[in-house]
């Protein structure tokens, strides 16, 4: 059975994420110079999403 054309989504939907994964946050903080290797990964400050 086929899907009605009005129910199809044109192309992929790209939604802006407002939460970063821990490794993404570490990468952002390394670029800013606020994180060094060996620092704690728990209790890190929030970072803005720049994508």
N, C-alpha and C. Protein backbone atom coordinates (compact mmCIF):
# COMPACT_ATOMS: atom_id res chain seq x y z
N UNK A 1 0.84 -1.17 0.00
CA UNK A 1 0.00 0.00 0.00
C UNK A 1 0.89 1.24 0.00
N UNK A 2 0.56 2.20 -0.80
CA UNK A 2 1.40 3.39 -0.89
C UNK A 2 0.91 4.48 0.07
N UNK A 3 1.80 5.44 0.30
CA UNK A 3 1.49 6.54 1.20
C UNK A 3 0.92 7.70 0.41
N UNK A 4 -0.08 8.36 0.97
CA UNK A 4 -0.71 9.51 0.31
C UNK A 4 0.33 10.64 0.20
N UNK A 5 0.39 11.33 -0.96
CA UNK A 5 1.40 12.37 -1.17
C UNK A 5 1.37 13.50 -0.13
N UNK A 6 0.22 13.79 0.45
CA UNK A 6 0.15 14.88 1.42
C UNK A 6 0.80 14.52 2.75
N UNK A 7 1.06 13.23 2.97
CA UNK A 7 1.67 12.80 4.23
C UNK A 7 3.18 12.65 4.13
N UNK A 8 3.72 12.76 2.95
CA UNK A 8 5.16 12.61 2.77
C UNK A 8 5.89 13.88 3.19
N UNK A 9 7.10 13.68 3.67
CA UNK A 9 7.93 14.80 4.08
C UNK A 9 8.95 15.04 2.98
N UNK A 10 9.04 16.27 2.52
CA UNK A 10 9.98 16.59 1.46
C UNK A 10 11.39 16.76 1.99
N UNK A 11 12.27 15.86 1.67
CA UNK A 11 13.66 15.93 2.12
C UNK A 11 13.80 15.56 3.58
N UNK A 12 15.00 15.68 4.06
CA UNK A 12 15.26 15.35 5.46
C UNK A 12 14.98 16.58 6.32
N UNK A 13 14.42 16.35 7.46
CA UNK A 13 14.18 17.42 8.41
C UNK A 13 15.42 17.55 9.29
N UNK A 14 16.01 18.73 9.32
CA UNK A 14 17.18 18.97 10.14
C UNK A 14 16.75 19.89 11.27
N UNK A 15 16.82 19.36 12.47
CA UNK A 15 16.39 20.11 13.63
C UNK A 15 17.61 20.59 14.39
N UNK A 16 17.60 21.85 14.82
CA UNK A 16 18.72 22.39 15.56
C UNK A 16 18.70 21.81 16.97
N UNK A 17 19.83 21.25 17.38
CA UNK A 17 19.93 20.69 18.72
C UNK A 17 20.35 21.78 19.69
N UNK A 18 19.80 21.77 20.89
CA UNK A 18 20.19 22.77 21.88
C UNK A 18 20.94 22.16 23.05
N UNK A 19 21.26 20.88 22.96
CA UNK A 19 22.02 20.21 24.01
C UNK A 19 23.18 19.47 23.35
N UNK A 20 24.37 19.65 23.90
CA UNK A 20 25.55 18.97 23.37
C UNK A 20 25.84 17.71 24.17
N UNK A 21 26.41 16.74 23.51
CA UNK A 21 26.90 15.56 24.19
C UNK A 21 28.16 15.96 24.95
N UNK A 22 28.59 15.13 25.89
CA UNK A 22 29.76 15.47 26.71
C UNK A 22 31.01 15.65 25.87
N UNK A 23 31.25 14.76 24.91
CA UNK A 23 32.46 14.88 24.09
C UNK A 23 32.42 16.13 23.22
N UNK A 24 31.22 16.54 22.78
CA UNK A 24 31.10 17.77 22.00
C UNK A 24 31.39 18.99 22.87
N UNK A 25 30.92 18.94 24.12
CA UNK A 25 31.16 20.05 25.03
C UNK A 25 32.65 20.18 25.36
N UNK A 26 33.32 19.03 25.51
CA UNK A 26 34.76 19.05 25.77
C UNK A 26 35.50 19.65 24.59
N UNK A 27 35.10 19.30 23.36
CA UNK A 27 35.74 19.88 22.17
C UNK A 27 35.58 21.39 22.13
N UNK A 28 34.38 21.89 22.45
CA UNK A 28 34.13 23.33 22.45
C UNK A 28 34.99 24.02 23.51
N UNK A 29 35.08 23.40 24.69
CA UNK A 29 35.85 23.99 25.78
C UNK A 29 37.35 23.95 25.49
N UNK A 30 37.82 22.91 24.79
CA UNK A 30 39.24 22.85 24.42
C UNK A 30 39.59 23.98 23.45
N UNK A 31 38.69 24.23 22.49
CA UNK A 31 38.93 25.31 21.53
C UNK A 31 38.96 26.67 22.24
N UNK A 32 38.14 26.82 23.29
CA UNK A 32 38.09 28.07 24.04
C UNK A 32 39.22 28.16 25.06
N UNK A 33 39.90 27.04 25.33
CA UNK A 33 41.01 27.03 26.27
C UNK A 33 40.58 26.90 27.72
N UNK A 34 39.36 26.49 27.99
CA UNK A 34 38.88 26.35 29.36
C UNK A 34 38.93 24.92 29.87
N UNK A 35 39.35 23.98 29.05
CA UNK A 35 39.44 22.58 29.45
C UNK A 35 40.79 22.04 29.04
N UNK A 36 41.45 21.35 29.97
CA UNK A 36 42.73 20.70 29.69
C UNK A 36 42.56 19.21 29.89
N UNK A 37 43.38 18.41 29.22
CA UNK A 37 43.32 16.96 29.40
C UNK A 37 43.56 16.63 30.86
N UNK A 38 42.74 15.74 31.41
CA UNK A 38 42.87 15.34 32.79
C UNK A 38 41.90 16.04 33.72
N UNK A 39 41.22 17.09 33.25
CA UNK A 39 40.21 17.77 34.07
C UNK A 39 39.00 16.86 34.24
N UNK A 40 38.18 17.17 35.25
CA UNK A 40 36.98 16.38 35.51
C UNK A 40 35.99 16.54 34.36
N UNK A 41 35.27 15.46 34.07
CA UNK A 41 34.25 15.51 33.02
C UNK A 41 32.86 15.67 33.60
N UNK A 42 32.75 15.57 34.92
CA UNK A 42 31.45 15.75 35.57
C UNK A 42 31.38 17.16 36.14
N UNK A 43 30.21 17.77 36.09
CA UNK A 43 30.03 19.11 36.62
C UNK A 43 30.63 20.20 35.76
N UNK A 44 30.74 19.94 34.47
CA UNK A 44 31.29 20.94 33.56
C UNK A 44 30.26 22.05 33.34
N UNK A 45 30.73 23.26 33.02
CA UNK A 45 29.78 24.35 32.74
C UNK A 45 29.06 24.12 31.42
N UNK A 46 27.90 24.75 31.30
CA UNK A 46 27.13 24.66 30.05
C UNK A 46 27.86 25.45 28.98
N UNK A 47 27.68 25.04 27.73
CA UNK A 47 28.28 25.75 26.60
C UNK A 47 27.21 26.03 25.58
N UNK A 48 27.41 27.08 24.81
CA UNK A 48 26.47 27.44 23.75
C UNK A 48 26.69 26.53 22.56
N UNK A 49 25.62 26.20 21.86
CA UNK A 49 25.69 25.37 20.65
C UNK A 49 26.10 26.27 19.50
N UNK A 50 27.23 25.94 18.88
CA UNK A 50 27.71 26.72 17.73
C UNK A 50 27.83 25.75 16.57
N UNK A 51 26.74 25.54 15.85
CA UNK A 51 26.74 24.60 14.72
C UNK A 51 26.10 25.22 13.53
